[in-house]
């Protein structure tokens, strides 16, 4: 009976504490899809994460993730035929993230250990082909990690270090040549 009272008191205390303490939670995917996609790196695991969620960036950098800067810019407020959703998936076993615009790849992976976290950002597939930059997806067969880069030197170096270049690539407006965003925003 004494153990029951102790357990009940502890449960009550924890319930009260959760009402008064603000727990900072990181959302997996941002609901705001316009903005800079930032590449983060976590040294202890070697994992990279890509997000435009400012709260996620803030929380993870406080937890030791390094902000490696801009990967690309996501434009959600363009015509539907000028954008394609890129989903973020999470593997609960390997603890890795994967980004894909391939609905078939999503269907296959969620049958296994992957969870679809939803749309992470949008790639731009509009008519500004001369102003677009290609972002490559690379795969490390040793760690199971995927890396995304628009830096051709980084891609070449990693391929020489036994990373494999996937066929999955994303297109984004090249901010170096155009800071105005896509034409014809909705």
C-alpha atoms as a PDB file:
ATOM      1  CA  UNK A   1       0.000   0.000   0.000  1.00  0.00           C
ATOM      2  CA  UNK A   2       2.883   2.339   0.814  1.00  0.00           C
ATOM      3  CA  UNK A   3       4.412   1.752  -2.677  1.00  0.00           C
ATOM      4  CA  UNK A   4       1.058   2.521  -4.292  1.00  0.00           C
ATOM      5  CA  UNK A   5       0.741   5.840  -2.423  1.00  0.00           C
ATOM      6  CA  UNK A   6       4.323   6.749  -3.374  1.00  0.00           C
ATOM      7  CA  UNK A   7       3.687   5.931  -7.054  1.00  0.00           C
ATOM      8  CA  UNK A   8       0.424   7.867  -7.019  1.00  0.00           C
ATOM      9  CA  UNK A   9       2.073  10.918  -5.424  1.00  0.00           C
ATOM     10  CA  UNK A  10       4.915  10.788  -7.963  1.00  0.00           C
ATOM     11  CA  UNK A  11       2.476  10.537 -10.871  1.00  0.00           C
ATOM     12  CA  UNK A  12       0.491  13.475  -9.528  1.00  0.00           C
ATOM     13  CA  UNK A  13       3.651  15.552  -9.087  1.00  0.00           C
ATOM     14  CA  UNK A  14       4.780  14.808 -12.652  1.00  0.00           C
ATOM     15  CA  UNK A  15       1.339  15.738 -13.990  1.00  0.00           C
ATOM     16  CA  UNK A  16       1.415  19.071 -12.177  1.00  0.00           C
ATOM     17  CA  UNK A  17       4.978  19.793 -13.340  1.00  0.00           C
ATOM     18  CA  UNK A  18       4.095  19.181 -16.986  1.00  0.00           C
ATOM     19  CA  UNK A  19       1.320  21.758 -16.683  1.00  0.00           C
ATOM     20  CA  UNK A  20       3.704  24.446 -15.424  1.00  0.00           C
ATOM     21  CA  UNK A  21       6.927  23.672 -17.262  1.00  0.00           C
ATOM     22  CA  UNK A  22       7.255  24.736 -20.865  1.00  0.00           C
ATOM     23  CA  UNK A  23       8.913  21.935 -22.811  1.00  0.00           C
ATOM     24  CA  UNK A  24      10.564  23.107 -26.006  1.00  0.00           C
ATOM     25  CA  UNK A  25       9.645  20.718 -28.794  1.00  0.00           C
ATOM     26  CA  UNK A  26      11.184  20.525 -32.244  1.00  0.00           C
ATOM     27  CA  UNK A  27       8.666  20.077 -35.026  1.00  0.00           C
ATOM     28  CA  UNK A  28       9.768  17.593 -37.642  1.00  0.00           C
ATOM     29  CA  UNK A  29       8.637  19.632 -40.616  1.00  0.00           C
ATOM     30  CA  UNK A  30       7.756  23.310 -40.867  1.00  0.00           C
ATOM     31  CA  UNK A  31       4.325  24.427 -41.979  1.00  0.00           C
ATOM     32  CA  UNK A  32       5.922  27.505 -43.582  1.00  0.00           C
ATOM     33  CA  UNK A  33       7.514  26.376 -46.836  1.00  0.00           C
ATOM     34  CA  UNK A  34       8.958  29.635 -48.198  1.00  0.00           C
ATOM     35  CA  UNK A  35      12.475  30.403 -47.116  1.00  0.00           C
ATOM     36  CA  UNK A  36      16.066  29.308 -46.893  1.00  0.00           C
ATOM     37  CA  UNK A  37      16.794  25.612 -46.511  1.00  0.00           C
ATOM     38  CA  UNK A  38      19.651  25.349 -44.026  1.00  0.00           C
ATOM     39  CA  UNK A  39      22.098  22.434 -43.838  1.00  0.00           C
ATOM     40  CA  UNK A  40      22.955  21.352 -40.277  1.00  0.00           C
ATOM     41  CA  UNK A  41      25.674  18.884 -39.238  1.00  0.00           C
ATOM     42  CA  UNK A  42      25.971  16.812 -36.057  1.00  0.00           C
ATOM     43  CA  UNK A  43      29.612  15.753 -35.483  1.00  0.00           C
ATOM     44  CA  UNK A  44      28.996  12.836 -33.039  1.00  0.00           C
ATOM     45  CA  UNK A  45      26.912  10.923 -35.600  1.00  0.00           C
ATOM     46  CA  UNK A  46      28.075  12.515 -38.859  1.00  0.00           C
ATOM     47  CA  UNK A  47      24.449  13.221 -39.782  1.00  0.00           C
ATOM     48  CA  UNK A  48      23.268  16.156 -41.853  1.00  0.00           C
ATOM     49  CA  UNK A  49      19.788  17.627 -41.548  1.00  0.00           C
ATOM     50  CA  UNK A  50      18.067  20.074 -43.886  1.00  0.00           C
ATOM     51  CA  UNK A  51      15.357  22.392 -42.654  1.00  0.00           C
ATOM     52  CA  UNK A  52      13.830  25.810 -43.089  1.00  0.00           C
ATOM     53  CA  UNK A  53      12.167  25.702 -39.667  1.00  0.00           C
ATOM     54  CA  UNK A  54      13.869  28.467 -37.640  1.00  0.00           C
ATOM     55  CA  UNK A  55      12.796  26.897 -34.330  1.00  0.00           C
ATOM     56  CA  UNK A  56      14.309  23.558 -35.335  1.00  0.00           C
ATOM     57  CA  UNK A  57      17.551  25.309 -36.334  1.00  0.00           C
ATOM     58  CA  UNK A  58      17.654  27.185 -33.017  1.00  0.00           C
ATOM     59  CA  UNK A  59      16.963  24.110 -30.877  1.00  0.00           C
ATOM     60  CA  UNK A  60      19.375  21.823 -32.729  1.00  0.00           C
ATOM     61  CA  UNK A  61      22.261  24.325 -32.757  1.00  0.00           C
ATOM     62  CA  UNK A  62      21.835  24.631 -28.972  1.00  0.00           C
ATOM     63  CA  UNK A  63      22.141  20.823 -28.852  1.00  0.00           C
ATOM     64  CA  UNK A  64      25.473  20.836 -30.688  1.00  0.00           C
ATOM     65  CA  UNK A  65      24.475  20.792 -34.348  1.00  0.00           C
ATOM     66  CA  UNK A  66      26.586  23.079 -36.589  1.00  0.00           C
ATOM     67  CA  UNK A  67      24.836  25.380 -39.061  1.00  0.00           C
ATOM     68  CA  UNK A  68      26.617  24.847 -42.400  1.00  0.00           C
ATOM     69  CA  UNK A  69      24.598  27.499 -44.176  1.00  0.00           C
ATOM     70  CA  UNK A  70      22.275  27.752 -47.139  1.00  0.00           C
ATOM     71  CA  UNK A  71      21.519  24.700 -49.286  1.00  0.00           C
ATOM     72  CA  UNK A  72      18.787  26.344 -51.356  1.00  0.00           C
ATOM     73  CA  UNK A  73      15.608  28.400 -51.140  1.00  0.00           C
ATOM     74  CA  UNK A  74      12.139  26.861 -51.062  1.00  0.00           C
ATOM     75  CA  UNK A  75       9.307  28.623 -52.879  1.00  0.00           C
ATOM     76  CA  UNK A  76       5.831  27.402 -51.980  1.00  0.00           C
ATOM     77  CA  UNK A  77       3.939  30.470 -53.174  1.00  0.00           C
ATOM     78  CA  UNK A  78       4.256  29.783 -56.892  1.00  0.00           C
ATOM     79  CA  UNK A  79       1.891  28.110 -59.334  1.00  0.00           C
ATOM     80  CA  UNK A  80       1.310  24.423 -58.608  1.00  0.00           C
ATOM     81  CA  UNK A  81       2.949  23.404 -61.907  1.00  0.00           C
ATOM     82  CA  UNK A  82       6.156  25.262 -60.926  1.00  0.00           C
ATOM     83  CA  UNK A  83       6.902  23.376 -57.717  1.00  0.00           C
ATOM     84  CA  UNK A  84       7.282  19.832 -56.450  1.00  0.00           C
ATOM     85  CA  UNK A  85       7.078  18.746 -52.817  1.00  0.00           C
ATOM     86  CA  UNK A  86      10.184  17.218 -51.264  1.00  0.00           C
ATOM     87  CA  UNK A  87       9.325  14.914 -48.358  1.00  0.00           C
ATOM     88  CA  UNK A  88      11.466  14.223 -45.313  1.00  0.00           C
ATOM     89  CA  UNK A  89      11.522  10.619 -44.110  1.00  0.00           C
ATOM     90  CA  UNK A  90      13.036   9.278 -40.893  1.00  0.00           C
ATOM     91  CA  UNK A  91      14.411   5.799 -40.259  1.00  0.00           C
ATOM     92  CA  UNK A  92      13.765   4.839 -36.643  1.00  0.00           C
ATOM     93  CA  UNK A  93      16.406   2.089 -36.765  1.00  0.00           C
ATOM     94  CA  UNK A  94      19.351   3.900 -38.382  1.00  0.00           C
ATOM     95  CA  UNK A  95      18.231   7.345 -37.100  1.00  0.00           C
ATOM     96  CA  UNK A  96      18.886   8.782 -40.586  1.00  0.00           C
ATOM     97  CA  UNK A  97      16.784  11.221 -42.612  1.00  0.00           C
ATOM     98  CA  UNK A  98      16.073  10.973 -46.326  1.00  0.00           C
ATOM     99  CA  UNK A  99      14.646  13.630 -48.618  1.00  0.00           C
ATOM    100  CA  UNK A 100      12.807  12.657 -51.781  1.00  0.00           C
ATOM    101  CA  UNK A 101      10.374  13.993 -54.356  1.00  0.00           C
ATOM    102  CA  UNK A 102       9.571  10.451 -55.574  1.00  0.00           C
ATOM    103  CA  UNK A 103       6.164   9.234 -54.367  1.00  0.00           C
ATOM    104  CA  UNK A 104       7.013   5.642 -55.304  1.00  0.00           C
ATOM    105  CA  UNK A 105      10.191   5.789 -53.187  1.00  0.00           C
ATOM    106  CA  UNK A 106       8.099   7.061 -50.266  1.00  0.00           C
ATOM    107  CA  UNK A 107       5.561   4.202 -50.647  1.00  0.00           C
ATOM    108  CA  UNK A 108       8.327   1.590 -50.722  1.00  0.00           C
ATOM    109  CA  UNK A 109      10.276   3.010 -47.767  1.00  0.00           C
ATOM    110  CA  UNK A 110       7.306   3.446 -45.401  1.00  0.00           C
ATOM    111  CA  UNK A 111       6.595  -0.273 -45.758  1.00  0.00           C
ATOM    112  CA  UNK A 112       9.919  -0.768 -43.942  1.00  0.00           C
ATOM    113  CA  UNK A 113      11.452   1.182 -41.080  1.00  0.00           C
ATOM    114  CA  UNK A 114      10.872   4.659 -42.524  1.00  0.00           C
ATOM    115  CA  UNK A 115       8.284   7.248 -41.418  1.00  0.00           C
ATOM    116  CA  UNK A 116       7.131   9.978 -43.799  1.00  0.00           C
ATOM    117  CA  UNK A 117       7.370  13.241 -41.843  1.00  0.00           C
ATOM    118  CA  UNK A 118       5.598  15.135 -44.638  1.00  0.00           C
ATOM    119  CA  UNK A 119       6.621  17.936 -46.964  1.00  0.00           C
ATOM    120  CA  UNK A 120       9.890  19.493 -45.843  1.00  0.00           C
ATOM    121  CA  UNK A 121      10.211  22.052 -48.663  1.00  0.00           C
ATOM    122  CA  UNK A 122       9.518  22.597 -52.344  1.00  0.00           C
ATOM    123  CA  UNK A 123      11.881  22.393 -55.260  1.00  0.00           C
ATOM    124  CA  UNK A 124      11.293  24.827 -58.107  1.00  0.00           C
ATOM    125  CA  UNK A 125      10.507  23.205 -61.461  1.00  0.00           C
ATOM    126  CA  UNK A 126       9.327  26.304 -63.314  1.00  0.00           C
ATOM    127  CA  UNK A 127      10.590  27.819 -66.544  1.00  0.00           C
ATOM    128  CA  UNK A 128      13.789  29.492 -65.327  1.00  0.00           C
ATOM    129  CA  UNK A 129      16.101  26.665 -66.398  1.00  0.00           C
ATOM    130  CA  UNK A 130      19.097  28.942 -66.991  1.00  0.00           C
ATOM    131  CA  UNK A 131      18.911  30.276 -63.434  1.00  0.00           C
ATOM    132  CA  UNK A 132      18.483  26.959 -61.641  1.00  0.00           C
ATOM    133  CA  UNK A 133      21.058  25.106 -59.610  1.00  0.00           C
ATOM    134  CA  UNK A 134      21.109  21.345 -59.329  1.00  0.00           C
ATOM    135  CA  UNK A 135      21.278  19.812 -55.852  1.00  0.00           C
ATOM    136  CA  UNK A 136      22.690  16.271 -55.838  1.00  0.00           C
ATOM    137  CA  UNK A 137      21.797  13.440 -53.467  1.00  0.00           C
ATOM    138  CA  UNK A 138      24.727  11.216 -52.483  1.00  0.00           C
ATOM    139  CA  UNK A 139      24.666   7.972 -50.492  1.00  0.00           C
ATOM    140  CA  UNK A 140      27.308   6.617 -48.108  1.00  0.00           C
ATOM    141  CA  UNK A 141      27.043   2.794 -48.177  1.00  0.00           C
ATOM    142  CA  UNK A 142      29.127   2.520 -44.988  1.00  0.00           C
ATOM    143  CA  UNK A 143      26.901   4.710 -42.800  1.00  0.00           C
ATOM    144  CA  UNK A 144      23.610   4.644 -44.704  1.00  0.00           C
ATOM    145  CA  UNK A 145      23.553   8.452 -44.708  1.00  0.00           C
ATOM    146  CA  UNK A 146      22.374  10.578 -47.601  1.00  0.00           C
ATOM    147  CA  UNK A 147      23.997  13.954 -48.240  1.00  0.00           C
ATOM    148  CA  UNK A 148      22.618  16.755 -50.391  1.00  0.00           C
ATOM    149  CA  UNK A 149      24.946  19.235 -52.044  1.00  0.00           C
ATOM    150  CA  UNK A 150      24.915  21.808 -54.814  1.00  0.00           C
ATOM    151  CA  UNK A 151      28.712  22.137 -54.636  1.00  0.00           C
ATOM    152  CA  UNK A 152      30.222  20.218 -57.581  1.00  0.00           C
ATOM    153  CA  UNK A 153      33.630  20.067 -55.831  1.00  0.00           C
ATOM    154  CA  UNK A 154      32.048  18.472 -52.753  1.00  0.00           C
ATOM    155  CA  UNK A 155      30.183  15.966 -54.942  1.00  0.00           C
ATOM    156  CA  UNK A 156      33.369  15.032 -56.857  1.00  0.00           C
ATOM    157  CA  UNK A 157      35.384  14.676 -53.630  1.00  0.00           C
ATOM    158  CA  UNK A 158      32.784  12.485 -51.920  1.00  0.00           C
ATOM    159  CA  UNK A 159      32.414  10.222 -54.952  1.00  0.00           C
ATOM    160  CA  UNK A 160      36.211   9.697 -54.825  1.00  0.00           C
ATOM    161  CA  UNK A 161      35.761   8.746 -51.134  1.00  0.00           C
ATOM    162  CA  UNK A 162      33.318   5.942 -52.088  1.00  0.00           C
ATOM    163  CA  UNK A 163      30.051   7.867 -51.741  1.00  0.00           C
ATOM    164  CA  UNK A 164      27.565   6.937 -54.464  1.00  0.00           C
ATOM    165  CA  UNK A 165      25.728   9.567 -56.466  1.00  0.00           C
ATOM    166  CA  UNK A 166      21.976   8.848 -56.473  1.00  0.00           C
ATOM    167  CA  UNK A 167      19.819   9.625 -59.462  1.00  0.00           C
ATOM    168  CA  UNK A 168      17.664  11.855 -57.239  1.00  0.00           C
ATOM    169  CA  UNK A 169      18.382  15.537 -57.737  1.00  0.00           C
ATOM    170  CA  UNK A 170      16.506  18.701 -56.870  1.00  0.00           C
ATOM    171  CA  UNK A 171      16.292  22.030 -58.715  1.00  0.00           C
ATOM    172  CA  UNK A 172      16.334  25.399 -56.966  1.00  0.00           C
ATOM    173  CA  UNK A 173      16.706  29.008 -58.104  1.00  0.00           C
ATOM    174  CA  UNK A 174      20.382  29.978 -57.997  1.00  0.00           C
ATOM    175  CA  UNK A 175      20.536  32.780 -55.434  1.00  0.00           C
ATOM    176  CA  UNK A 176      23.907  33.917 -56.801  1.00  0.00           C
ATOM    177  CA  UNK A 177      22.310  34.976 -60.101  1.00  0.00           C
ATOM    178  CA  UNK A 178      18.772  35.850 -58.995  1.00  0.00           C
ATOM    179  CA  UNK A 179      17.527  37.098 -55.642  1.00  0.00           C
ATOM    180  CA  UNK A 180      14.001  37.873 -56.779  1.00  0.00           C
ATOM    181  CA  UNK A 181      12.584  34.349 -56.603  1.00  0.00           C
ATOM    182  CA  UNK A 182      10.559  32.567 -59.251  1.00  0.00           C
ATOM    183  CA  UNK A 183       8.509  34.466 -61.804  1.00  0.00           C
ATOM    184  CA  UNK A 184       4.706  34.551 -61.504  1.00  0.00           C
ATOM    185  CA  UNK A 185       4.276  33.992 -57.770  1.00  0.00           C
ATOM    186  CA  UNK A 186       0.723  33.062 -56.824  1.00  0.00           C
END
